[in-house]
């Protein structure tokens, strides 16, 4: 009897948590419908930030939209929060991509270089960052990064990033 009570309790707990989680993720149409685009976008970002919870990648994605939509202070605050708390090296890489996408190469370069120092054998990242260097008109550094990448492994994604940069095409993220 005790086992059944415990089992039923556990099932109800899991169902309750799942239902609460699903309900928390729903966005009501009133948040965005019939509102000016900027107001709707801002309201949805508030929802997305709540949905992101503590996930660093998720929060960086929300920060990216703020940052690229011209609400840099809000985006920067999210990036600073993520990077100030035991950030993974991949978090630095993701934020660097946002800065590069925003046309802020100096900020991006600093974070990309930091990532590569802690991940010197990431062949795809070496090629991607090399492509960004090439697109920023630093061919010498780009080719050193390409050489390091290809020495590790000649992988299609790395090669296509390098090829694209020589032709003015940004790497696919």
N, C-alpha and C. Protein backbone atom coordinates (compact mmCIF):
# COMPACT_ATOMS: atom_id res chain seq x y z
N UNK A 1 0.82 -1.19 0.00
CA UNK A 1 0.00 0.00 0.00
C UNK A 1 0.86 1.25 0.00
N UNK A 2 1.91 1.26 0.86
CA UNK A 2 2.80 2.40 0.93
C UNK A 2 3.47 2.67 -0.41
N UNK A 3 3.86 1.60 -1.08
CA UNK A 3 4.53 1.72 -2.38
C UNK A 3 3.61 2.39 -3.38
N UNK A 4 2.33 2.02 -3.35
CA UNK A 4 1.36 2.61 -4.29
C UNK A 4 1.17 4.09 -4.02
N UNK A 5 1.11 4.46 -2.77
CA UNK A 5 0.94 5.87 -2.40
C UNK A 5 2.15 6.67 -2.87
N UNK A 6 3.34 6.13 -2.64
CA UNK A 6 4.56 6.80 -3.07
C UNK A 6 4.59 6.91 -4.59
N UNK A 7 4.24 5.83 -5.28
CA UNK A 7 4.24 5.83 -6.73
C UNK A 7 3.23 6.82 -7.28
N UNK A 8 2.02 6.83 -6.74
CA UNK A 8 0.98 7.78 -7.18
C UNK A 8 1.45 9.21 -6.90
N UNK A 9 2.04 9.42 -5.75
CA UNK A 9 2.55 10.75 -5.41
C UNK A 9 3.62 11.21 -6.37
N UNK A 10 4.51 10.31 -6.71
CA UNK A 10 5.59 10.65 -7.64
C UNK A 10 5.04 10.97 -9.02
N UNK A 11 4.08 10.18 -9.48
CA UNK A 11 3.46 10.42 -10.79
C UNK A 11 2.76 11.77 -10.80
N UNK A 12 1.99 12.06 -9.75
CA UNK A 12 1.30 13.34 -9.68
C UNK A 12 2.28 14.51 -9.64
N UNK A 13 3.37 14.34 -8.94
CA UNK A 13 4.40 15.38 -8.89
C UNK A 13 4.97 15.65 -10.28
N UNK A 14 5.36 14.60 -10.98
CA UNK A 14 5.93 14.74 -12.33
C UNK A 14 4.92 15.38 -13.27
N UNK A 15 3.67 14.93 -13.22
CA UNK A 15 2.63 15.50 -14.08
C UNK A 15 2.42 16.97 -13.74
N UNK A 16 2.41 17.30 -12.46
CA UNK A 16 2.22 18.69 -12.04
C UNK A 16 3.36 19.58 -12.50
N UNK A 17 4.59 19.10 -12.35
CA UNK A 17 5.75 19.87 -12.80
C UNK A 17 5.70 20.05 -14.31
N UNK A 18 5.38 19.00 -15.04
CA UNK A 18 5.30 19.09 -16.50
C UNK A 18 4.20 20.06 -16.92
N UNK A 19 3.06 20.00 -16.27
CA UNK A 19 1.96 20.91 -16.61
C UNK A 19 2.35 22.35 -16.29
N UNK A 20 2.99 22.56 -15.17
CA UNK A 20 3.44 23.91 -14.80
C UNK A 20 4.48 24.43 -15.78
N UNK A 21 5.39 23.57 -16.17
CA UNK A 21 6.42 23.95 -17.13
C UNK A 21 5.79 24.31 -18.47
N UNK A 22 4.87 23.51 -18.95
CA UNK A 22 4.20 23.78 -20.22
C UNK A 22 3.41 25.07 -20.15
N UNK A 23 2.72 25.30 -19.04
CA UNK A 23 1.92 26.51 -18.89
C UNK A 23 2.83 27.74 -18.86
N UNK A 24 3.98 27.62 -18.22
CA UNK A 24 4.90 28.74 -18.12
C UNK A 24 5.48 29.11 -19.47
N UNK A 25 5.51 28.20 -20.38
CA UNK A 25 6.13 28.44 -21.68
C UNK A 25 5.14 29.01 -22.71
N UNK A 26 3.89 29.03 -22.39
CA UNK A 26 2.89 29.54 -23.34
C UNK A 26 2.90 31.06 -23.32
N UNK A 27 2.79 31.65 -24.49
CA UNK A 27 2.72 33.10 -24.61
C UNK A 27 1.33 33.45 -25.12
N UNK A 28 0.64 34.27 -24.38
CA UNK A 28 -0.72 34.67 -24.76
C UNK A 28 -0.68 35.61 -25.96
N UNK A 29 -1.58 35.43 -26.90
CA UNK A 29 -1.62 36.32 -28.08
C UNK A 29 -1.75 37.79 -27.71
N UNK A 30 -2.35 38.09 -26.58
CA UNK A 30 -2.51 39.49 -26.16
C UNK A 30 -1.17 40.17 -25.91
N UNK A 31 -0.12 39.39 -25.75
CA UNK A 31 1.21 39.96 -25.52
C UNK A 31 1.70 40.70 -26.76
N UNK A 32 1.32 40.22 -27.95
CA UNK A 32 1.88 40.78 -29.18
C UNK A 32 0.85 41.20 -30.23
N UNK A 33 -0.31 40.61 -30.23
CA UNK A 33 -1.29 40.91 -31.28
C UNK A 33 -1.81 42.34 -31.17
N UNK A 34 -1.99 42.96 -32.31
CA UNK A 34 -2.56 44.30 -32.43
C UNK A 34 -1.71 45.38 -31.75
N UNK A 35 -0.45 45.12 -31.57
CA UNK A 35 0.45 46.11 -30.98
C UNK A 35 1.45 46.55 -32.04
N UNK A 36 1.96 47.75 -31.94
CA UNK A 36 3.02 48.16 -32.87
C UNK A 36 4.19 47.16 -32.77
N UNK A 37 4.88 46.96 -33.87
CA UNK A 37 5.93 45.94 -33.94
C UNK A 37 6.96 46.07 -32.82
N UNK A 38 7.44 47.27 -32.56
CA UNK A 38 8.47 47.43 -31.53
C UNK A 38 7.92 47.05 -30.14
N UNK A 39 6.70 47.45 -29.85
CA UNK A 39 6.08 47.12 -28.58
C UNK A 39 5.86 45.60 -28.47
N UNK A 40 5.41 44.99 -29.55
CA UNK A 40 5.20 43.53 -29.55
C UNK A 40 6.53 42.81 -29.36
N UNK A 41 7.55 43.27 -30.06
CA UNK A 41 8.87 42.65 -29.92
C UNK A 41 9.41 42.75 -28.51
N UNK A 42 9.29 43.94 -27.91
CA UNK A 42 9.76 44.12 -26.53
C UNK A 42 8.99 43.21 -25.57
N UNK A 43 7.69 43.13 -25.75
CA UNK A 43 6.87 42.30 -24.87
C UNK A 43 7.25 40.82 -25.01
N UNK A 44 7.51 40.40 -26.24
CA UNK A 44 7.91 39.01 -26.46
C UNK A 44 9.30 38.73 -25.88
N UNK A 45 10.18 39.73 -25.90
CA UNK A 45 11.50 39.54 -25.29
C UNK A 45 11.39 39.36 -23.78
N UNK A 46 10.46 40.05 -23.16
CA UNK A 46 10.24 39.86 -21.72
C UNK A 46 9.81 38.40 -21.48
N UNK A 47 8.90 37.91 -22.32
CA UNK A 47 8.46 36.52 -22.21
C UNK A 47 9.62 35.55 -22.45
N UNK A 48 10.40 35.82 -23.49
CA UNK A 48 11.52 34.94 -23.83
C UNK A 48 12.55 34.91 -22.71
N UNK A 49 12.77 36.05 -22.10
CA UNK A 49 13.74 36.09 -21.00
C UNK A 49 13.27 35.22 -19.84
N UNK A 50 11.98 35.27 -19.55
CA UNK A 50 11.43 34.42 -18.49
C UNK A 50 11.55 32.95 -18.88
N UNK A 51 11.28 32.64 -20.13
CA UNK A 51 11.37 31.25 -20.60
C UNK A 51 12.81 30.74 -20.58
N UNK A 52 13.77 31.63 -20.79
CA UNK A 52 15.18 31.24 -20.84
C UNK A 52 15.67 30.72 -19.50
N UNK A 53 15.05 31.18 -18.43
CA UNK A 53 15.47 30.71 -17.11
C UNK A 53 16.94 30.99 -16.86
N UNK A 54 17.66 29.97 -16.42
CA UNK A 54 19.08 30.12 -16.10
C UNK A 54 19.99 29.63 -17.23
N UNK A 55 19.42 29.20 -18.33
CA UNK A 55 20.23 28.68 -19.43
C UNK A 55 21.08 29.77 -20.07
N UNK A 56 22.38 29.55 -20.13
CA UNK A 56 23.26 30.58 -20.68
C UNK A 56 23.04 30.78 -22.18
N UNK A 57 22.95 29.70 -22.93
CA UNK A 57 22.75 29.84 -24.38
C UNK A 57 21.44 30.55 -24.66
N UNK A 58 20.41 30.19 -23.90
CA UNK A 58 19.10 30.78 -24.09
C UNK A 58 19.12 32.28 -23.76
N UNK A 59 19.78 32.63 -22.66
CA UNK A 59 19.86 34.04 -22.29
C UNK A 59 20.68 34.82 -23.30
N UNK A 60 21.74 34.23 -23.82
CA UNK A 60 22.53 34.90 -24.85
C UNK A 60 21.68 35.14 -26.09
N UNK A 61 20.82 34.19 -26.44
CA UNK A 61 19.93 34.36 -27.60
C UNK A 61 18.99 35.55 -27.38
N UNK A 62 18.46 35.68 -26.19
CA UNK A 62 17.59 36.82 -25.87
C UNK A 62 18.40 38.11 -25.92
N UNK A 63 19.58 38.09 -25.32
CA UNK A 63 20.46 39.27 -25.35
C UNK A 63 20.83 39.67 -26.76
N UNK A 64 21.01 38.69 -27.63
CA UNK A 64 21.34 38.96 -29.03
C UNK A 64 20.25 39.80 -29.69
N UNK A 65 19.00 39.42 -29.48
CA UNK A 65 17.91 40.16 -30.10
C UNK A 65 17.86 41.58 -29.55
N UNK A 66 17.97 41.72 -28.23
CA UNK A 66 18.01 43.07 -27.66
C UNK A 66 19.13 43.88 -28.31
N UNK A 67 20.34 43.30 -28.32
CA UNK A 67 21.53 44.00 -28.80
C UNK A 67 21.40 44.41 -30.26
N UNK A 68 21.01 43.47 -31.10
CA UNK A 68 20.94 43.76 -32.53
C UNK A 68 19.73 44.62 -32.91
N UNK A 69 18.73 44.66 -32.03
CA UNK A 69 17.55 45.49 -32.29
C UNK A 69 17.74 46.93 -31.80
N UNK A 70 18.95 47.23 -31.35
CA UNK A 70 19.24 48.59 -30.92
C UNK A 70 19.04 48.84 -29.44
N UNK A 71 18.70 47.81 -28.70
CA UNK A 71 18.54 47.94 -27.24
C UNK A 71 19.80 47.35 -26.60
N UNK A 72 20.94 47.97 -26.93
CA UNK A 72 22.24 47.42 -26.55
C UNK A 72 22.41 47.31 -25.04
N UNK A 73 21.93 48.29 -24.30
CA UNK A 73 22.11 48.24 -22.85
C UNK A 73 21.46 46.99 -22.26
N UNK A 74 20.26 46.68 -22.71
CA UNK A 74 19.56 45.49 -22.21
C UNK A 74 20.31 44.22 -22.60
N UNK A 75 20.76 44.15 -23.85
CA UNK A 75 21.51 42.99 -24.32
C UNK A 75 22.83 42.85 -23.60
N UNK A 76 23.53 43.97 -23.44
CA UNK A 76 24.83 43.94 -22.75
C UNK A 76 24.68 43.49 -21.31
N UNK A 77 23.60 43.93 -20.66
CA UNK A 77 23.36 43.51 -19.27
C UNK A 77 23.21 41.99 -19.18
N UNK A 78 22.53 41.41 -20.14
CA UNK A 78 22.36 39.95 -20.16
C UNK A 78 23.71 39.27 -20.39
N UNK A 79 24.48 39.78 -21.36
CA UNK A 79 25.80 39.18 -21.63
C UNK A 79 26.69 39.27 -20.39
N UNK A 80 26.69 40.44 -19.75
CA UNK A 80 27.53 40.62 -18.57
C UNK A 80 27.13 39.65 -17.46
N UNK A 81 25.83 39.47 -17.30
CA UNK A 81 25.33 38.55 -16.28
C UNK A 81 25.78 37.12 -16.57
N UNK A 82 25.63 36.69 -17.82
CA UNK A 82 26.02 35.33 -18.20
C UNK A 82 27.52 35.12 -18.03
N UNK A 83 28.31 36.08 -18.49
CA UNK A 83 29.76 35.91 -18.50
C UNK A 83 30.38 36.12 -17.11
N UNK A 84 29.64 36.70 -16.18
CA UNK A 84 30.20 36.94 -14.85
C UNK A 84 30.06 35.75 -13.92
N UNK A 85 29.28 34.75 -14.33
CA UNK A 85 29.01 33.60 -13.46
C UNK A 85 29.50 32.29 -14.08
N UNK A 86 30.65 31.84 -13.74
CA UNK A 86 31.15 30.55 -14.20
C UNK A 86 30.75 30.24 -15.64
N UNK A 87 31.02 31.16 -16.52
CA UNK A 87 30.64 31.00 -17.92
C UNK A 87 31.45 29.88 -18.57
N UNK A 88 30.80 29.16 -19.45
CA UNK A 88 31.48 28.16 -20.27
C UNK A 88 32.23 28.90 -21.38
N UNK A 89 33.27 28.31 -21.90
CA UNK A 89 34.01 28.97 -22.98
C UNK A 89 33.11 29.20 -24.19
N UNK A 90 32.14 28.30 -24.41
CA UNK A 90 31.23 28.46 -25.54
C UNK A 90 30.34 29.69 -25.38
N UNK A 91 30.11 30.13 -24.14
CA UNK A 91 29.34 31.36 -23.92
C UNK A 91 30.09 32.56 -24.48
N UNK A 92 31.40 32.59 -24.28
CA UNK A 92 32.22 33.68 -24.82
C UNK A 92 32.15 33.67 -26.35
N UNK A 93 32.18 32.48 -26.92
CA UNK A 93 32.11 32.35 -28.38
C UNK A 93 30.78 32.89 -28.91
N UNK A 94 29.69 32.54 -28.25
CA UNK A 94 28.37 32.99 -28.69
C UNK A 94 28.20 34.50 -28.58
N UNK A 95 28.68 35.07 -27.49
CA UNK A 95 28.60 36.52 -27.34
C UNK A 95 29.49 37.20 -28.38
N UNK A 96 30.65 36.63 -28.64
CA UNK A 96 31.54 37.18 -29.66
C UNK A 96 30.84 37.21 -31.02
N UNK A 97 30.09 36.18 -31.34
CA UNK A 97 29.34 36.17 -32.60
C UNK A 97 28.35 37.33 -32.68
N UNK A 98 27.71 37.64 -31.56
CA UNK A 98 26.76 38.75 -31.55
C UNK A 98 27.50 40.07 -31.82
N UNK A 99 28.61 40.28 -31.14
CA UNK A 99 29.37 41.51 -31.36
C UNK A 99 29.81 41.62 -32.82
N UNK A 100 30.26 40.50 -33.38
CA UNK A 100 30.69 40.54 -34.77
C UNK A 100 29.51 40.85 -35.68
N UNK A 101 28.38 40.24 -35.40
CA UNK A 101 27.18 40.47 -36.19
C UNK A 101 26.73 41.93 -36.09
N UNK A 102 27.02 42.56 -34.95
CA UNK A 102 26.67 43.97 -34.74
C UNK A 102 27.70 44.91 -35.36
N UNK A 103 28.74 44.34 -35.94
CA UNK A 103 29.78 45.17 -36.56
C UNK A 103 30.81 45.69 -35.58
N UNK A 104 30.91 45.04 -34.42
CA UNK A 104 31.85 45.47 -33.38
C UNK A 104 33.00 44.47 -33.29
N UNK A 105 33.85 44.51 -34.31
CA UNK A 105 34.91 43.54 -34.46
C UNK A 105 35.87 43.53 -33.27
N UNK A 106 36.23 44.69 -32.74
CA UNK A 106 37.20 44.73 -31.63
C UNK A 106 36.67 43.95 -30.42
N UNK A 107 35.41 44.13 -30.08
CA UNK A 107 34.82 43.40 -28.96
C UNK A 107 34.73 41.91 -29.28
N UNK A 108 34.35 41.60 -30.51
CA UNK A 108 34.23 40.19 -30.91
C UNK A 108 35.59 39.51 -30.88
N UNK A 109 36.57 40.17 -31.44
CA UNK A 109 37.92 39.62 -31.54
C UNK A 109 38.46 39.23 -30.18
N UNK A 110 38.26 40.09 -29.18
CA UNK A 110 38.74 39.82 -27.83
C UNK A 110 38.14 38.52 -27.27
N UNK A 111 36.84 38.35 -27.47
CA UNK A 111 36.19 37.14 -26.95
C UNK A 111 36.52 35.91 -27.78
N UNK A 112 36.64 36.07 -29.10
CA UNK A 112 37.04 34.93 -29.94
C UNK A 112 38.44 34.46 -29.53
N UNK A 113 39.36 35.41 -29.35
CA UNK A 113 40.73 35.05 -28.98
C UNK A 113 40.75 34.35 -27.62
N UNK A 114 39.92 34.82 -26.71
CA UNK A 114 39.83 34.18 -25.39
C UNK A 114 39.35 32.74 -25.54
N UNK A 115 38.32 32.54 -26.38
CA UNK A 115 37.81 31.20 -26.61
C UNK A 115 38.90 30.29 -27.19
N UNK A 116 39.62 30.77 -28.19
CA UNK A 116 40.63 29.94 -28.84
C UNK A 116 41.79 29.60 -27.92
N UNK A 117 42.09 30.47 -26.96
CA UNK A 117 43.15 30.15 -25.98
C UNK A 117 42.74 28.97 -25.12
N UNK A 118 41.46 28.87 -24.79
CA UNK A 118 41.02 27.77 -23.94
C UNK A 118 40.57 26.55 -24.75
N UNK A 119 40.44 26.71 -26.05
CA UNK A 119 40.02 25.61 -26.93
C UNK A 119 40.91 25.58 -28.18
N UNK A 120 42.21 25.36 -27.99
CA UNK A 120 43.14 25.46 -29.12
C UNK A 120 42.99 24.37 -30.17
N UNK A 121 42.22 23.33 -29.87
CA UNK A 121 42.06 22.23 -30.82
C UNK A 121 40.67 22.14 -31.43
N UNK A 122 39.92 23.22 -31.37
CA UNK A 122 38.59 23.25 -31.96
C UNK A 122 38.74 23.67 -33.43
N UNK A 123 38.88 22.68 -34.29
CA UNK A 123 39.19 22.96 -35.70
C UNK A 123 38.14 23.82 -36.38
N UNK A 124 36.88 23.58 -36.08
CA UNK A 124 35.81 24.38 -36.71
C UNK A 124 35.84 25.83 -36.23
N UNK A 125 36.06 26.02 -34.93
CA UNK A 125 36.12 27.38 -34.38
C UNK A 125 37.34 28.12 -34.93
N UNK A 126 38.47 27.42 -35.04
CA UNK A 126 39.66 28.06 -35.60
C UNK A 126 39.37 28.57 -37.01
N UNK A 127 38.71 27.77 -37.82
CA UNK A 127 38.40 28.19 -39.19
C UNK A 127 37.36 29.30 -39.20
N UNK A 128 36.35 29.20 -38.35
CA UNK A 128 35.32 30.24 -38.32
C UNK A 128 35.91 31.58 -37.89
N UNK A 129 36.70 31.55 -36.84
CA UNK A 129 37.33 32.79 -36.37
C UNK A 129 38.32 33.29 -37.42
N UNK A 130 39.03 32.38 -38.07
CA UNK A 130 39.92 32.77 -39.16
C UNK A 130 39.15 33.48 -40.26
N UNK A 131 37.96 32.97 -40.57
CA UNK A 131 37.13 33.61 -41.59
C UNK A 131 36.76 35.03 -41.18
N UNK A 132 36.43 35.21 -39.91
CA UNK A 132 36.09 36.56 -39.43
C UNK A 132 37.30 37.49 -39.52
N UNK A 133 38.48 36.96 -39.20
CA UNK A 133 39.70 37.77 -39.35
C UNK A 133 39.90 38.16 -40.82
N UNK A 134 39.71 37.21 -41.72
CA UNK A 134 39.88 37.51 -43.14
C UNK A 134 38.87 38.56 -43.60
N UNK A 135 37.64 38.41 -43.17
CA UNK A 135 36.61 39.38 -43.54
C UNK A 135 36.89 40.76 -42.94
N UNK A 136 37.66 40.78 -41.83
CA UNK A 136 38.06 42.05 -41.20
C UNK A 136 39.38 42.57 -41.78
N UNK A 137 39.81 41.96 -42.87
CA UNK A 137 41.01 42.37 -43.62
C UNK A 137 42.33 42.05 -42.91
N UNK A 138 42.35 41.02 -42.08
CA UNK A 138 43.59 40.57 -41.44
C UNK A 138 43.90 39.17 -41.98
N UNK A 139 44.39 39.15 -43.21
CA UNK A 139 44.64 37.89 -43.90
C UNK A 139 45.74 37.07 -43.22
N UNK A 140 46.75 37.73 -42.71
CA UNK A 140 47.85 37.01 -42.08
C UNK A 140 47.36 36.18 -40.89
N UNK A 141 46.61 36.78 -40.00
CA UNK A 141 46.09 36.04 -38.85
C UNK A 141 45.10 34.97 -39.30
N UNK A 142 44.27 35.32 -40.27
CA UNK A 142 43.29 34.36 -40.79
C UNK A 142 43.98 33.10 -41.29
N UNK A 143 45.00 33.27 -42.09
CA UNK A 143 45.67 32.11 -42.67
C UNK A 143 46.40 31.28 -41.62
N UNK A 144 46.89 31.91 -40.56
CA UNK A 144 47.50 31.15 -39.46
C UNK A 144 46.43 30.29 -38.78
N UNK A 145 45.26 30.87 -38.59
CA UNK A 145 44.17 30.10 -37.97
C UNK A 145 43.69 28.98 -38.88
N UNK A 146 43.61 29.25 -40.18
CA UNK A 146 43.22 28.20 -41.13
C UNK A 146 44.23 27.06 -41.09
N UNK A 147 45.50 27.41 -41.07
CA UNK A 147 46.55 26.38 -41.05
C UNK A 147 46.44 25.52 -39.80
N UNK A 148 46.22 26.16 -38.64
CA UNK A 148 46.04 25.40 -37.39
C UNK A 148 44.83 24.48 -37.50
N UNK A 149 43.73 24.99 -38.04
CA UNK A 149 42.51 24.20 -38.18
C UNK A 149 42.75 22.98 -39.06
N UNK A 150 43.35 23.20 -40.23
CA UNK A 150 43.53 22.12 -41.19
C UNK A 150 44.59 21.12 -40.71
N UNK A 151 45.52 21.56 -39.88
CA UNK A 151 46.50 20.65 -39.31
C UNK A 151 45.83 19.67 -38.35
N UNK A 152 44.80 20.15 -37.66
CA UNK A 152 44.06 19.29 -36.73
C UNK A 152 43.19 18.29 -37.47
N UNK A 153 42.46 18.81 -38.45
CA UNK A 153 41.55 17.97 -39.22
C UNK A 153 41.04 18.78 -40.41
N UNK A 154 41.07 18.20 -41.57
CA UNK A 154 40.49 18.86 -42.74
C UNK A 154 39.04 18.44 -42.84
N UNK A 155 38.21 19.20 -42.16
CA UNK A 155 36.79 18.90 -42.05
C UNK A 155 36.01 19.86 -42.93
N UNK A 156 34.96 19.39 -43.56
CA UNK A 156 34.21 20.19 -44.52
C UNK A 156 33.76 21.53 -43.95
N UNK A 157 33.23 21.57 -42.69
CA UNK A 157 32.71 22.83 -42.14
C UNK A 157 33.81 23.86 -41.99
N UNK A 158 34.98 23.41 -41.60
CA UNK A 158 36.12 24.33 -41.48
C UNK A 158 36.54 24.83 -42.86
N UNK A 159 36.61 23.93 -43.81
CA UNK A 159 37.05 24.29 -45.15
C UNK A 159 36.08 25.26 -45.81
N UNK A 160 34.78 25.03 -45.65
CA UNK A 160 33.80 25.91 -46.28
C UNK A 160 33.80 27.29 -45.62
N UNK A 161 34.09 27.37 -44.33
CA UNK A 161 34.20 28.68 -43.67
C UNK A 161 35.35 29.47 -44.26
N UNK A 162 36.49 28.80 -44.46
CA UNK A 162 37.66 29.46 -45.04
C UNK A 162 37.38 29.87 -46.49
N UNK A 163 36.82 28.97 -47.26
CA UNK A 163 36.52 29.27 -48.66
C UNK A 163 35.58 30.46 -48.78
N UNK A 164 34.54 30.45 -47.98
CA UNK A 164 33.57 31.53 -48.02
C UNK A 164 34.21 32.88 -47.69
N UNK A 165 35.09 32.91 -46.71
CA UNK A 165 35.71 34.18 -46.32
C UNK A 165 36.53 34.76 -47.46
N UNK A 166 37.23 33.91 -48.22
CA UNK A 166 38.00 34.42 -49.37
C UNK A 166 37.08 35.01 -50.43
N UNK A 167 35.83 34.56 -50.42
CA UNK A 167 34.86 35.04 -51.42
C UNK A 167 33.89 36.07 -50.85
N UNK A 168 34.15 36.53 -49.61
CA UNK A 168 33.33 37.56 -49.01
C UNK A 168 32.06 37.04 -48.35
N UNK A 169 31.97 35.74 -48.12
CA UNK A 169 30.78 35.13 -47.52
C UNK A 169 31.07 34.78 -46.07
N UNK A 170 30.24 35.25 -45.16
CA UNK A 170 30.41 34.99 -43.74
C UNK A 170 30.12 33.52 -43.44
N UNK A 171 30.78 32.99 -42.42
CA UNK A 171 30.51 31.59 -42.04
C UNK A 171 29.06 31.41 -41.60
N UNK A 172 28.56 30.24 -41.85
CA UNK A 172 27.21 29.89 -41.41
C UNK A 172 27.30 29.53 -39.93
N UNK A 173 26.48 30.13 -39.12
CA UNK A 173 26.54 29.88 -37.67
C UNK A 173 25.57 28.82 -37.27
